[in-house]
Amino acid sequence: MPDSYPYIISNNKIDPILGRIRSAARPDRFGHPLLKTWGFTASNDRAAVALLKELGFLAENGTPTELYDRLRDQNDWKYVLGERMRDLYADLYAIDGAIHNAPEAEIKGAMSRVTGKEDESVKRYYATFKTLASLAKFEPRAGKPAEQPVQETSKKGKAESTRDELDPKRTVEYHYNIQIHLPTTTDITVYTAIFKSLKENLGI
């Protein structure tokens, strides 16, 4: 169990910072100097870097991860934020799978039991948690086309093939190849008699 959760005092800056991440170019390193160039110059704003690292959007050295790229996606950022919150606050979600919708007292109580920290720390954890939760989406992202399993398609094709084979209306044609071994002879009447018999009996 974690003994603490990340928090930022200036929780009102979280949404604007995430907005700048979506609108700005992907940096080589994300740190305090970058935040200053974006206009977040307060000392309390620096905690946003640690928060992004805890959520998995930045590596320890400040390098943006693949998850950071999803955070820049206008259509995906809310969903990846929800996914990362479920991971960061896994112990809370083990208590309640929708704890982001739970009453304040219940969330703070769970945080207190998990971390063992005093009320003041829990209050800070809660404020950041609720700010993130207000921005995130926790349901699966809709609109992605479902992939049809190959096995299912194979079974369907096999079933159609079987039906075709058993269809009584289907026309069936048979072809025969007849081989005739003629005797070796110089008497032409022998060959004449053989072909005459084939014509009379087989209609060829």
N, C-alpha and C. Protein backbone atom coordinates (compact mmCIF):
# COMPACT_ATOMS: atom_id res chain seq x y z
N MET A 1 0.83 -1.20 0.00
CA MET A 1 0.00 0.00 0.00
C MET A 1 0.87 1.26 0.00
N PRO A 2 0.44 2.29 -0.73
CA PRO A 2 1.22 3.53 -0.73
C PRO A 2 1.10 4.26 0.61
N ASP A 3 2.18 4.96 0.99
CA ASP A 3 2.11 5.73 2.24
C ASP A 3 1.76 7.18 1.95
N SER A 4 1.54 7.51 0.68
CA SER A 4 1.13 8.86 0.32
C SER A 4 0.61 8.86 -1.11
N TYR A 5 -0.04 9.95 -1.49
CA TYR A 5 -0.49 10.18 -2.87
C TYR A 5 0.03 11.54 -3.31
N PRO A 6 0.31 11.69 -4.62
CA PRO A 6 0.79 13.00 -5.08
C PRO A 6 -0.31 14.04 -4.98
N TYR A 7 0.10 15.28 -4.77
CA TYR A 7 -0.89 16.35 -4.72
C TYR A 7 -0.24 17.65 -5.18
N ILE A 8 -1.06 18.58 -5.55
CA ILE A 8 -0.61 19.91 -5.94
C ILE A 8 -1.50 20.90 -5.21
N ILE A 9 -0.88 21.91 -4.60
CA ILE A 9 -1.66 22.89 -3.85
C ILE A 9 -2.56 23.71 -4.79
N SER A 10 -1.99 24.10 -5.91
CA SER A 10 -2.75 24.90 -6.87
C SER A 10 -3.50 23.98 -7.84
N ASN A 11 -4.53 23.31 -7.31
CA ASN A 11 -5.29 22.37 -8.13
C ASN A 11 -6.00 23.05 -9.30
N ASN A 12 -6.24 24.34 -9.18
CA ASN A 12 -6.90 25.07 -10.27
C ASN A 12 -6.00 25.21 -11.50
N LYS A 13 -4.72 24.84 -11.38
CA LYS A 13 -3.80 24.91 -12.50
C LYS A 13 -3.74 23.60 -13.29
N ILE A 14 -4.30 22.53 -12.75
CA ILE A 14 -4.20 21.24 -13.42
C ILE A 14 -4.85 21.27 -14.80
N ASP A 15 -6.06 21.76 -14.88
CA ASP A 15 -6.76 21.81 -16.17
C ASP A 15 -6.03 22.68 -17.19
N PRO A 16 -5.59 23.90 -16.83
CA PRO A 16 -4.84 24.72 -17.79
C PRO A 16 -3.53 24.08 -18.24
N ILE A 17 -2.85 23.39 -17.33
CA ILE A 17 -1.59 22.73 -17.71
C ILE A 17 -1.86 21.60 -18.69
N LEU A 18 -2.89 20.81 -18.44
CA LEU A 18 -3.25 19.75 -19.38
C LEU A 18 -3.67 20.34 -20.72
N GLY A 19 -4.29 21.49 -20.69
CA GLY A 19 -4.66 22.16 -21.93
C GLY A 19 -3.44 22.59 -22.72
N ARG A 20 -2.41 23.07 -22.06
CA ARG A 20 -1.17 23.47 -22.74
C ARG A 20 -0.45 22.24 -23.29
N ILE A 21 -0.54 21.15 -22.59
CA ILE A 21 0.07 19.91 -23.10
C ILE A 21 -0.56 19.53 -24.44
N ARG A 22 -1.87 19.71 -24.56
CA ARG A 22 -2.57 19.36 -25.81
C ARG A 22 -2.27 20.34 -26.94
N SER A 23 -2.03 21.60 -26.60
CA SER A 23 -1.85 22.60 -27.64
C SER A 23 -0.39 22.84 -28.02
N ALA A 24 0.53 22.54 -27.12
CA ALA A 24 1.95 22.80 -27.38
C ALA A 24 2.61 21.60 -28.05
N ALA A 25 3.79 21.85 -28.61
CA ALA A 25 4.57 20.77 -29.22
C ALA A 25 5.07 19.82 -28.14
N ARG A 26 5.32 18.59 -28.53
CA ARG A 26 5.84 17.59 -27.58
C ARG A 26 7.28 17.94 -27.22
N PRO A 27 7.56 18.18 -25.93
CA PRO A 27 8.92 18.58 -25.54
C PRO A 27 9.85 17.37 -25.40
N ASP A 28 11.14 17.64 -25.48
CA ASP A 28 12.12 16.58 -25.21
C ASP A 28 12.18 16.28 -23.71
N ARG A 29 12.03 17.31 -22.92
CA ARG A 29 12.00 17.17 -21.46
C ARG A 29 10.89 18.06 -20.93
N PHE A 30 10.21 17.57 -19.91
CA PHE A 30 9.14 18.34 -19.28
C PHE A 30 9.57 18.62 -17.85
N GLY A 31 9.75 19.89 -17.52
CA GLY A 31 10.18 20.26 -16.18
C GLY A 31 9.74 21.66 -15.82
N HIS A 32 10.31 22.18 -14.74
CA HIS A 32 9.93 23.50 -14.24
C HIS A 32 10.20 24.61 -15.26
N PRO A 33 11.34 24.58 -15.98
CA PRO A 33 11.58 25.63 -16.97
C PRO A 33 10.50 25.70 -18.04
N LEU A 34 10.01 24.53 -18.47
CA LEU A 34 8.95 24.52 -19.48
C LEU A 34 7.68 25.12 -18.92
N LEU A 35 7.33 24.79 -17.68
CA LEU A 35 6.14 25.36 -17.07
C LEU A 35 6.22 26.89 -17.01
N LYS A 36 7.42 27.40 -16.74
CA LYS A 36 7.59 28.85 -16.68
C LYS A 36 7.34 29.49 -18.04
N THR A 37 7.85 28.85 -19.10
CA THR A 37 7.62 29.40 -20.44
C THR A 37 6.15 29.37 -20.81
N TRP A 38 5.40 28.47 -20.20
CA TRP A 38 3.96 28.39 -20.44
C TRP A 38 3.18 29.37 -19.55
N GLY A 39 3.86 30.03 -18.66
CA GLY A 39 3.20 31.02 -17.81
C GLY A 39 2.86 30.53 -16.42
N PHE A 40 3.27 29.31 -16.07
CA PHE A 40 2.99 28.77 -14.73
C PHE A 40 4.25 28.98 -13.88
N THR A 41 4.35 30.16 -13.31
CA THR A 41 5.57 30.56 -12.63
C THR A 41 5.53 30.42 -11.11
N ALA A 42 4.37 30.15 -10.54
CA ALA A 42 4.26 30.04 -9.08
C ALA A 42 5.00 28.80 -8.59
N SER A 43 5.55 28.90 -7.39
CA SER A 43 6.31 27.77 -6.85
C SER A 43 5.42 26.54 -6.66
N ASN A 44 4.15 26.75 -6.36
CA ASN A 44 3.23 25.62 -6.18
C ASN A 44 2.95 24.87 -7.48
N ASP A 45 3.15 25.55 -8.62
CA ASP A 45 2.89 24.92 -9.91
C ASP A 45 3.89 23.80 -10.21
N ARG A 46 5.04 23.85 -9.57
CA ARG A 46 6.08 22.86 -9.84
C ARG A 46 5.65 21.44 -9.50
N ALA A 47 4.74 21.33 -8.54
CA ALA A 47 4.28 19.99 -8.13
C ALA A 47 3.57 19.27 -9.27
N ALA A 48 3.18 19.99 -10.32
CA ALA A 48 2.52 19.36 -11.46
C ALA A 48 3.44 18.37 -12.16
N VAL A 49 4.74 18.64 -12.14
CA VAL A 49 5.72 17.75 -12.78
C VAL A 49 5.72 16.40 -12.06
N ALA A 50 5.79 16.42 -10.74
CA ALA A 50 5.78 15.18 -9.97
C ALA A 50 4.46 14.43 -10.16
N LEU A 51 3.36 15.17 -10.25
CA LEU A 51 2.06 14.55 -10.44
C LEU A 51 2.00 13.84 -11.79
N LEU A 52 2.51 14.46 -12.84
CA LEU A 52 2.52 13.85 -14.18
C LEU A 52 3.41 12.60 -14.21
N LYS A 53 4.48 12.62 -13.43
CA LYS A 53 5.35 11.44 -13.33
C LYS A 53 4.62 10.30 -12.63
N GLU A 54 3.94 10.61 -11.55
CA GLU A 54 3.21 9.58 -10.80
C GLU A 54 2.10 8.96 -11.66
N LEU A 55 1.51 9.77 -12.53
CA LEU A 55 0.45 9.28 -13.41
C LEU A 55 1.00 8.51 -14.61
N GLY A 56 2.31 8.54 -14.81
CA GLY A 56 2.93 7.78 -15.89
C GLY A 56 3.07 8.53 -17.20
N PHE A 57 2.81 9.84 -17.19
CA PHE A 57 2.93 10.62 -18.42
C PHE A 57 4.36 11.09 -18.66
N LEU A 58 5.17 11.07 -17.63
CA LEU A 58 6.58 11.45 -17.74
C LEU A 58 7.45 10.39 -17.10
N ALA A 59 8.62 10.15 -17.70
CA ALA A 59 9.61 9.28 -17.07
C ALA A 59 10.27 10.05 -15.93
N GLU A 60 11.09 9.37 -15.14
CA GLU A 60 11.73 10.02 -14.00
C GLU A 60 12.61 11.19 -14.42
N ASN A 61 13.21 11.10 -15.62
CA ASN A 61 14.07 12.20 -16.08
C ASN A 61 13.29 13.30 -16.80
N GLY A 62 11.96 13.18 -16.81
CA GLY A 62 11.13 14.21 -17.43
C GLY A 62 10.82 13.97 -18.89
N THR A 63 11.29 12.85 -19.43
CA THR A 63 11.00 12.54 -20.83
C THR A 63 9.53 12.12 -20.97
N PRO A 64 8.79 12.72 -21.91
CA PRO A 64 7.40 12.29 -22.12
C PRO A 64 7.32 10.84 -22.56
N THR A 65 6.36 10.10 -22.03
CA THR A 65 6.16 8.70 -22.38
C THR A 65 5.13 8.59 -23.51
N GLU A 66 4.85 7.37 -23.93
CA GLU A 66 3.82 7.15 -24.94
C GLU A 66 2.45 7.60 -24.42
N LEU A 67 2.24 7.48 -23.13
CA LEU A 67 0.98 7.94 -22.53
C LEU A 67 0.83 9.45 -22.65
N TYR A 68 1.94 10.16 -22.66
CA TYR A 68 1.91 11.62 -22.84
C TYR A 68 1.33 11.96 -24.21
N ASP A 69 1.66 11.14 -25.22
CA ASP A 69 1.12 11.37 -26.57
C ASP A 69 -0.39 11.22 -26.58
N ARG A 70 -0.91 10.27 -25.82
CA ARG A 70 -2.36 10.11 -25.71
C ARG A 70 -2.98 11.29 -24.96
N LEU A 71 -2.22 11.84 -24.03
CA LEU A 71 -2.70 12.99 -23.26
C LEU A 71 -2.82 14.22 -24.16
N ARG A 72 -2.10 14.24 -25.27
CA ARG A 72 -2.15 15.36 -26.22
C ARG A 72 -3.29 15.20 -27.22
N ASP A 73 -3.90 14.02 -27.25
CA ASP A 73 -4.98 13.73 -28.20
C ASP A 73 -6.29 14.34 -27.69
N GLN A 74 -6.89 15.21 -28.49
CA GLN A 74 -8.12 15.88 -28.07
C GLN A 74 -9.25 14.90 -27.77
N ASN A 75 -9.25 13.75 -28.46
CA ASN A 75 -10.34 12.78 -28.29
C ASN A 75 -10.03 11.71 -27.25
N ASP A 76 -8.79 11.63 -26.82
CA ASP A 76 -8.39 10.50 -25.97
C ASP A 76 -7.93 10.90 -24.58
N TRP A 77 -7.60 12.19 -24.38
CA TRP A 77 -6.91 12.57 -23.15
C TRP A 77 -7.73 12.30 -21.89
N LYS A 78 -9.04 12.49 -21.94
CA LYS A 78 -9.86 12.24 -20.76
C LYS A 78 -9.87 10.75 -20.39
N TYR A 79 -9.85 9.90 -21.43
CA TYR A 79 -9.90 8.46 -21.18
C TYR A 79 -8.57 7.95 -20.62
N VAL A 80 -7.46 8.42 -21.17
CA VAL A 80 -6.17 7.96 -20.65
C VAL A 80 -5.95 8.51 -19.24
N LEU A 81 -6.48 9.68 -18.94
CA LEU A 81 -6.39 10.21 -17.58
C LEU A 81 -7.15 9.32 -16.61
N GLY A 82 -8.33 8.87 -17.03
CA GLY A 82 -9.09 7.95 -16.19
C GLY A 82 -8.37 6.63 -15.98
N GLU A 83 -7.75 6.13 -17.03
CA GLU A 83 -7.00 4.87 -16.92
C GLU A 83 -5.84 5.00 -15.95
N ARG A 84 -5.11 6.11 -16.06
CA ARG A 84 -3.95 6.30 -15.19
C ARG A 84 -4.37 6.54 -13.74
N MET A 85 -5.51 7.18 -13.53
CA MET A 85 -6.00 7.36 -12.17
C MET A 85 -6.34 6.01 -11.53
N ARG A 86 -6.94 5.14 -12.30
CA ARG A 86 -7.27 3.80 -11.77
C ARG A 86 -5.99 3.06 -11.37
N ASP A 87 -4.91 3.31 -12.08
CA ASP A 87 -3.65 2.65 -11.75
C ASP A 87 -2.98 3.30 -10.54
N LEU A 88 -2.91 4.63 -10.55
CA LEU A 88 -2.26 5.35 -9.45
C LEU A 88 -2.99 5.13 -8.13
N TYR A 89 -4.33 5.15 -8.18
CA TYR A 89 -5.15 4.99 -6.97
C TYR A 89 -5.75 3.59 -6.90
N ALA A 90 -4.96 2.60 -7.30
CA ALA A 90 -5.46 1.22 -7.38
C ALA A 90 -6.01 0.72 -6.05
N ASP A 91 -5.38 1.11 -4.94
CA ASP A 91 -5.84 0.64 -3.63
C ASP A 91 -7.21 1.22 -3.29
N LEU A 92 -7.48 2.44 -3.75
CA LEU A 92 -8.79 3.03 -3.51
C LEU A 92 -9.85 2.36 -4.38
N TYR A 93 -9.48 2.07 -5.63
CA TYR A 93 -10.44 1.42 -6.52
C TYR A 93 -10.67 -0.05 -6.15
N ALA A 94 -9.75 -0.62 -5.39
CA ALA A 94 -9.97 -1.97 -4.88
C ALA A 94 -11.05 -1.96 -3.80
N ILE A 95 -11.19 -0.83 -3.13
CA ILE A 95 -12.23 -0.67 -2.11
C ILE A 95 -13.58 -0.39 -2.76
N ASP A 96 -13.57 0.47 -3.78
CA ASP A 96 -14.79 0.85 -4.49
C ASP A 96 -14.43 1.10 -5.95
N GLY A 97 -14.98 0.31 -6.85
CA GLY A 97 -14.64 0.42 -8.27
C GLY A 97 -15.05 1.74 -8.89
N ALA A 98 -15.91 2.50 -8.24
CA ALA A 98 -16.31 3.82 -8.73
C ALA A 98 -16.12 4.84 -7.61
N ILE A 99 -14.98 4.77 -6.96
CA ILE A 99 -14.77 5.62 -5.79
C ILE A 99 -14.73 7.11 -6.14
N HIS A 100 -14.48 7.42 -7.42
CA HIS A 100 -14.48 8.83 -7.84
C HIS A 100 -15.89 9.43 -7.72
N ASN A 101 -16.91 8.57 -7.65
CA ASN A 101 -18.29 9.04 -7.47
C ASN A 101 -18.75 8.99 -6.02
N ALA A 102 -17.90 8.50 -5.14
CA ALA A 102 -18.28 8.32 -3.74
C ALA A 102 -18.31 9.67 -3.01
N PRO A 103 -19.01 9.74 -1.88
CA PRO A 103 -19.04 10.97 -1.08
C PRO A 103 -17.65 11.32 -0.56
N GLU A 104 -17.46 12.58 -0.28
CA GLU A 104 -16.16 13.07 0.19
C GLU A 104 -15.66 12.31 1.41
N ALA A 105 -16.53 12.11 2.37
CA ALA A 105 -16.12 11.45 3.62
C ALA A 105 -15.64 10.02 3.35
N GLU A 106 -16.31 9.35 2.41
CA GLU A 106 -15.92 7.97 2.11
C GLU A 106 -14.56 7.92 1.43
N ILE A 107 -14.31 8.84 0.51
CA ILE A 107 -13.02 8.87 -0.19
C ILE A 107 -11.90 9.22 0.80
N LYS A 108 -12.12 10.22 1.62
CA LYS A 108 -11.10 10.60 2.59
C LYS A 108 -10.85 9.47 3.59
N GLY A 109 -11.91 8.78 4.00
CA GLY A 109 -11.74 7.66 4.92
C GLY A 109 -10.89 6.56 4.30
N ALA A 110 -11.12 6.26 3.01
CA ALA A 110 -10.33 5.23 2.33
C ALA A 110 -8.88 5.67 2.21
N MET A 111 -8.65 6.95 1.89
CA MET A 111 -7.28 7.46 1.78
C MET A 111 -6.56 7.39 3.11
N SER A 112 -7.27 7.70 4.18
CA SER A 112 -6.68 7.66 5.52
C SER A 112 -6.28 6.24 5.89
N ARG A 113 -7.14 5.27 5.58
CA ARG A 113 -6.84 3.88 5.93
C ARG A 113 -5.67 3.34 5.09
N VAL A 114 -5.64 3.73 3.82
CA VAL A 114 -4.59 3.22 2.93
C VAL A 114 -3.22 3.81 3.27
N THR A 115 -3.17 5.12 3.50
CA THR A 115 -1.89 5.79 3.72
C THR A 115 -1.50 5.90 5.19
N GLY A 116 -2.49 5.92 6.06
CA GLY A 116 -2.20 6.09 7.48
C GLY A 116 -1.80 7.51 7.84
N LYS A 117 -2.09 8.47 6.95
CA LYS A 117 -1.69 9.86 7.18
C LYS A 117 -2.76 10.64 7.93
N GLU A 118 -2.33 11.81 8.45
CA GLU A 118 -3.21 12.67 9.22
C GLU A 118 -4.19 13.41 8.31
N ASP A 119 -5.15 14.06 8.92
CA ASP A 119 -6.24 14.69 8.18
C ASP A 119 -5.76 15.73 7.18
N GLU A 120 -4.75 16.52 7.55
CA GLU A 120 -4.29 17.60 6.67
C GLU A 120 -3.73 17.04 5.36
N SER A 121 -2.95 15.97 5.44
CA SER A 121 -2.41 15.35 4.24
C SER A 121 -3.52 14.72 3.39
N VAL A 122 -4.44 14.05 4.08
CA VAL A 122 -5.55 13.42 3.37
C VAL A 122 -6.39 14.48 2.64
N LYS A 123 -6.55 15.62 3.26
CA LYS A 123 -7.31 16.71 2.62
C LYS A 123 -6.65 17.14 1.32
N ARG A 124 -5.32 17.19 1.30
CA ARG A 124 -4.58 17.57 0.08
C ARG A 124 -4.68 16.48 -0.98
N TYR A 125 -4.55 15.22 -0.54
CA TYR A 125 -4.69 14.12 -1.50
C TYR A 125 -6.06 14.16 -2.16
N TYR A 126 -7.07 14.39 -1.33
CA TYR A 126 -8.45 14.38 -1.82
C TYR A 126 -8.69 15.49 -2.84
N ALA A 127 -8.18 16.69 -2.56
CA ALA A 127 -8.41 17.84 -3.44
C ALA A 127 -7.84 17.57 -4.84
N THR A 128 -6.65 16.99 -4.90
CA THR A 128 -6.05 16.68 -6.21
C THR A 128 -6.79 15.54 -6.89
N PHE A 129 -7.15 14.52 -6.11
CA PHE A 129 -7.90 13.38 -6.66
C PHE A 129 -9.21 13.85 -7.29
N LYS A 130 -9.96 14.68 -6.60
CA LYS A 130 -11.25 15.14 -7.10
C LYS A 130 -11.10 16.05 -8.32
N THR A 131 -10.03 16.85 -8.35
CA THR A 131 -9.79 17.70 -9.51
C THR A 131 -9.51 16.84 -10.74
N LEU A 132 -8.66 15.84 -10.58
CA LEU A 132 -8.36 14.93 -11.70
C LEU A 132 -9.61 14.18 -12.14
N ALA A 133 -10.37 13.70 -11.16
CA ALA A 133 -11.57 12.93 -11.47
C ALA A 133 -12.61 13.76 -12.22
N SER A 134 -12.65 15.06 -11.94
CA SER A 134 -13.61 15.93 -12.61
C SER A 134 -13.27 16.12 -14.09
N LEU A 135 -12.03 15.85 -14.45
CA LEU A 135 -11.58 16.01 -15.84
C LEU A 135 -11.58 14.69 -16.61
N ALA A 136 -11.48 13.58 -15.89
CA ALA A 136 -11.29 12.28 -16.52
C ALA A 136 -12.61 11.62 -16.91
N LYS A 137 -12.49 10.65 -17.81
CA LYS A 137 -13.61 9.76 -18.14
C LYS A 137 -13.18 8.35 -17.77
N PHE A 138 -14.05 7.65 -17.07
CA PHE A 138 -13.68 6.33 -16.55
C PHE A 138 -14.34 5.18 -17.29
N GLU A 139 -15.32 5.47 -18.13
CA GLU A 139 -15.96 4.40 -18.91
C GLU A 139 -15.10 4.12 -20.14
N PRO A 140 -15.23 2.91 -20.73
CA PRO A 140 -14.47 2.58 -21.94
C PRO A 140 -14.81 3.56 -23.07
N ARG A 141 -13.82 3.87 -23.86
CA ARG A 141 -14.02 4.80 -24.97
C ARG A 141 -14.91 4.16 -26.03
N ALA A 142 -15.96 4.86 -26.43
CA ALA A 142 -16.90 4.34 -27.43
C ALA A 142 -16.45 4.74 -28.82
N GLY A 143 -17.02 4.04 -29.83
CA GLY A 143 -16.78 4.41 -31.21
C GLY A 143 -15.70 3.63 -31.90
N LYS A 144 -14.99 2.76 -31.18
CA LYS A 144 -13.97 1.95 -31.83
C LYS A 144 -14.61 0.73 -32.45
N PRO A 145 -14.37 0.47 -33.76
CA PRO A 145 -14.99 -0.69 -34.41
C PRO A 145 -14.46 -1.99 -33.82
N ALA A 146 -15.39 -2.89 -33.56
CA ALA A 146 -15.00 -4.19 -33.00
C ALA A 146 -14.41 -5.07 -34.08
N GLU A 147 -13.33 -5.72 -33.75
CA GLU A 147 -12.69 -6.62 -34.71
C GLU A 147 -13.35 -7.97 -34.65
N GLN A 148 -13.68 -8.50 -35.84
CA GLN A 148 -14.33 -9.82 -35.89
C GLN A 148 -13.28 -10.91 -35.74
N PRO A 149 -13.45 -11.81 -34.79
CA PRO A 149 -12.47 -12.88 -34.60
C PRO A 149 -12.32 -13.72 -35.85
N VAL A 150 -11.07 -14.07 -36.13
CA VAL A 150 -10.80 -14.89 -37.31
C VAL A 150 -11.45 -16.25 -37.19
N GLN A 151 -11.45 -16.80 -35.99
CA GLN A 151 -12.02 -18.13 -35.78
C GLN A 151 -13.51 -18.15 -36.10
N GLU A 152 -14.21 -17.07 -35.71
CA GLU A 152 -15.64 -17.01 -35.96
C GLU A 152 -15.91 -16.97 -37.45
N THR A 153 -15.13 -16.18 -38.19
CA THR A 153 -15.29 -16.09 -39.63
C THR A 153 -15.04 -17.44 -40.27
N SER A 154 -14.02 -18.14 -39.79
CA SER A 154 -13.70 -19.45 -40.34
C SER A 154 -14.83 -20.43 -40.14
N LYS A 155 -15.45 -20.39 -38.95
CA LYS A 155 -16.56 -21.30 -38.68
C LYS A 155 -17.74 -20.99 -39.58
N LYS A 156 -17.98 -19.69 -39.83
CA LYS A 156 -19.09 -19.30 -40.68
C LYS A 156 -18.88 -19.81 -42.09
N GLY A 157 -17.65 -19.64 -42.58
CA GLY A 157 -17.35 -20.12 -43.93
C GLY A 157 -17.51 -21.61 -44.04
N LYS A 158 -17.10 -22.33 -43.01
CA LYS A 158 -17.22 -23.77 -43.01
C LYS A 158 -18.68 -24.19 -43.00
N ALA A 159 -19.51 -23.47 -42.23
CA ALA A 159 -20.93 -23.80 -42.15
C ALA A 159 -21.61 -23.59 -43.50
N GLU A 160 -21.25 -22.46 -44.18
CA GLU A 160 -21.85 -22.20 -45.48
C GLU A 160 -21.45 -23.27 -46.48
N SER A 161 -20.20 -23.71 -46.40
CA SER A 161 -19.72 -24.75 -47.30
C SER A 161 -20.48 -26.05 -47.08
N THR A 162 -20.73 -26.36 -45.80
CA THR A 162 -21.45 -27.59 -45.47
C THR A 162 -22.88 -27.54 -45.99
N ARG A 163 -23.52 -26.37 -45.86
CA ARG A 163 -24.89 -26.23 -46.35
C ARG A 163 -24.95 -26.43 -47.86
N ASP A 164 -23.94 -25.87 -48.56
CA ASP A 164 -23.92 -26.03 -50.02
C ASP A 164 -23.78 -27.49 -50.42
N GLU A 165 -22.98 -28.22 -49.65
CA GLU A 165 -22.76 -29.63 -49.99
C GLU A 165 -24.01 -30.46 -49.74
N LEU A 166 -24.83 -30.04 -48.78
CA LEU A 166 -26.02 -30.82 -48.44
C LEU A 166 -27.28 -30.32 -49.13
N ASP A 167 -27.19 -29.27 -49.95
CA ASP A 167 -28.36 -28.70 -50.61
C ASP A 167 -28.89 -29.67 -51.66
N PRO A 168 -30.11 -30.19 -51.49
CA PRO A 168 -30.65 -31.16 -52.44
C PRO A 168 -30.97 -30.56 -53.81
N LYS A 169 -31.10 -29.23 -53.89
CA LYS A 169 -31.42 -28.59 -55.16
C LYS A 169 -30.19 -28.35 -56.01
N ARG A 170 -29.06 -28.56 -55.42
CA ARG A 170 -27.82 -28.29 -56.14
C ARG A 170 -27.61 -29.33 -57.24
N THR A 171 -27.25 -28.91 -58.47
CA THR A 171 -27.04 -29.80 -59.60
C THR A 171 -25.70 -30.50 -59.46
N VAL A 172 -25.74 -31.82 -59.61
CA VAL A 172 -24.53 -32.63 -59.51
C VAL A 172 -24.26 -33.30 -60.85
N GLU A 173 -23.08 -33.16 -61.38
CA GLU A 173 -22.72 -33.76 -62.66
C GLU A 173 -21.59 -34.77 -62.45
N TYR A 174 -21.69 -35.88 -63.17
CA TYR A 174 -20.68 -36.92 -63.08
C TYR A 174 -20.04 -37.11 -64.45
N HIS A 175 -18.78 -37.34 -64.48
CA HIS A 175 -18.03 -37.54 -65.73
C HIS A 175 -17.24 -38.85 -65.62
N TYR A 176 -17.30 -39.64 -66.71
CA TYR A 176 -16.59 -40.93 -66.71
C TYR A 176 -15.55 -40.91 -67.83
N ASN A 177 -14.44 -41.50 -67.55
CA ASN A 177 -13.40 -41.70 -68.57
C ASN A 177 -13.27 -43.20 -68.83
N ILE A 178 -13.53 -43.59 -70.07
CA ILE A 178 -13.48 -45.01 -70.44
C ILE A 178 -12.23 -45.28 -71.27
N GLN A 179 -11.46 -46.25 -70.85
CA GLN A 179 -10.26 -46.64 -71.58
C GLN A 179 -10.50 -47.98 -72.28
N ILE A 180 -10.15 -48.05 -73.55
CA ILE A 180 -10.35 -49.28 -74.34
C ILE A 180 -8.99 -49.78 -74.80
N HIS A 181 -8.71 -51.01 -74.48
CA HIS A 181 -7.46 -51.63 -74.90
C HIS A 181 -7.72 -52.51 -76.13
N LEU A 182 -7.28 -52.05 -77.26
CA LEU A 182 -7.52 -52.79 -78.51
C LEU A 182 -6.46 -53.88 -78.69
N PRO A 183 -6.91 -55.01 -79.18
CA PRO A 183 -5.96 -56.11 -79.43
C PRO A 183 -5.07 -55.80 -80.63
N THR A 184 -3.91 -56.35 -80.58
CA THR A 184 -2.98 -56.19 -81.71
C THR A 184 -3.36 -57.16 -82.83
N THR A 185 -3.75 -56.61 -83.95
CA THR A 185 -4.16 -57.47 -85.08
C THR A 185 -4.09 -56.67 -86.37
N THR A 186 -3.94 -57.37 -87.46
CA THR A 186 -3.93 -56.74 -88.80
C THR A 186 -5.28 -56.88 -89.47
N ASP A 187 -6.24 -57.54 -88.76
CA ASP A 187 -7.57 -57.76 -89.32
C ASP A 187 -8.45 -56.57 -88.96
N ILE A 188 -8.76 -55.74 -89.93
CA ILE A 188 -9.54 -54.54 -89.70
C ILE A 188 -10.96 -54.82 -89.25
N THR A 189 -11.46 -55.97 -89.56
CA THR A 189 -12.83 -56.31 -89.18
C THR A 189 -12.97 -56.44 -87.67
N VAL A 190 -11.87 -56.76 -87.00
CA VAL A 190 -11.91 -56.86 -85.53
C VAL A 190 -12.20 -55.48 -84.93
N TYR A 191 -11.49 -54.44 -85.38
CA TYR A 191 -11.70 -53.09 -84.88
C TYR A 191 -13.10 -52.58 -85.23
N THR A 192 -13.55 -52.92 -86.43
CA THR A 192 -14.88 -52.49 -86.86
C THR A 192 -15.95 -53.06 -85.94
N ALA A 193 -15.80 -54.32 -85.55
CA ALA A 193 -16.77 -54.98 -84.69
C ALA A 193 -16.77 -54.36 -83.29
N ILE A 194 -15.57 -53.99 -82.79
CA ILE A 194 -15.46 -53.40 -81.45
C ILE A 194 -16.15 -52.04 -81.40
N PHE A 195 -15.87 -51.15 -82.33
CA PHE A 195 -16.46 -49.81 -82.33
C PHE A 195 -17.97 -49.85 -82.57
N LYS A 196 -18.40 -50.84 -83.40
CA LYS A 196 -19.84 -50.99 -83.63
C LYS A 196 -20.55 -51.37 -82.35
N SER A 197 -19.93 -52.26 -81.54
CA SER A 197 -20.52 -52.68 -80.29
C SER A 197 -20.58 -51.52 -79.28
N LEU A 198 -19.52 -50.67 -79.25
CA LEU A 198 -19.51 -49.51 -78.36
C LEU A 198 -20.63 -48.54 -78.71
N LYS A 199 -20.83 -48.32 -79.98
CA LYS A 199 -21.88 -47.41 -80.42
C LYS A 199 -23.26 -47.91 -80.05
N GLU A 200 -23.48 -49.20 -80.20
CA GLU A 200 -24.81 -49.77 -79.92
C GLU A 200 -25.10 -49.83 -78.43
N ASN A 201 -24.08 -50.09 -77.62
CA ASN A 201 -24.31 -50.30 -76.18
C ASN A 201 -24.12 -49.04 -75.32
N LEU A 202 -23.21 -48.17 -75.76
CA LEU A 202 -22.91 -47.00 -74.95
C LEU A 202 -23.37 -45.71 -75.60
N GLY A 203 -23.77 -45.74 -76.82
CA GLY A 203 -24.25 -44.55 -77.51
C GLY A 203 -23.14 -43.56 -77.84
N ILE A 204 -21.96 -44.04 -78.09
CA ILE A 204 -20.85 -43.14 -78.41
C ILE A 204 -20.44 -43.31 -79.87
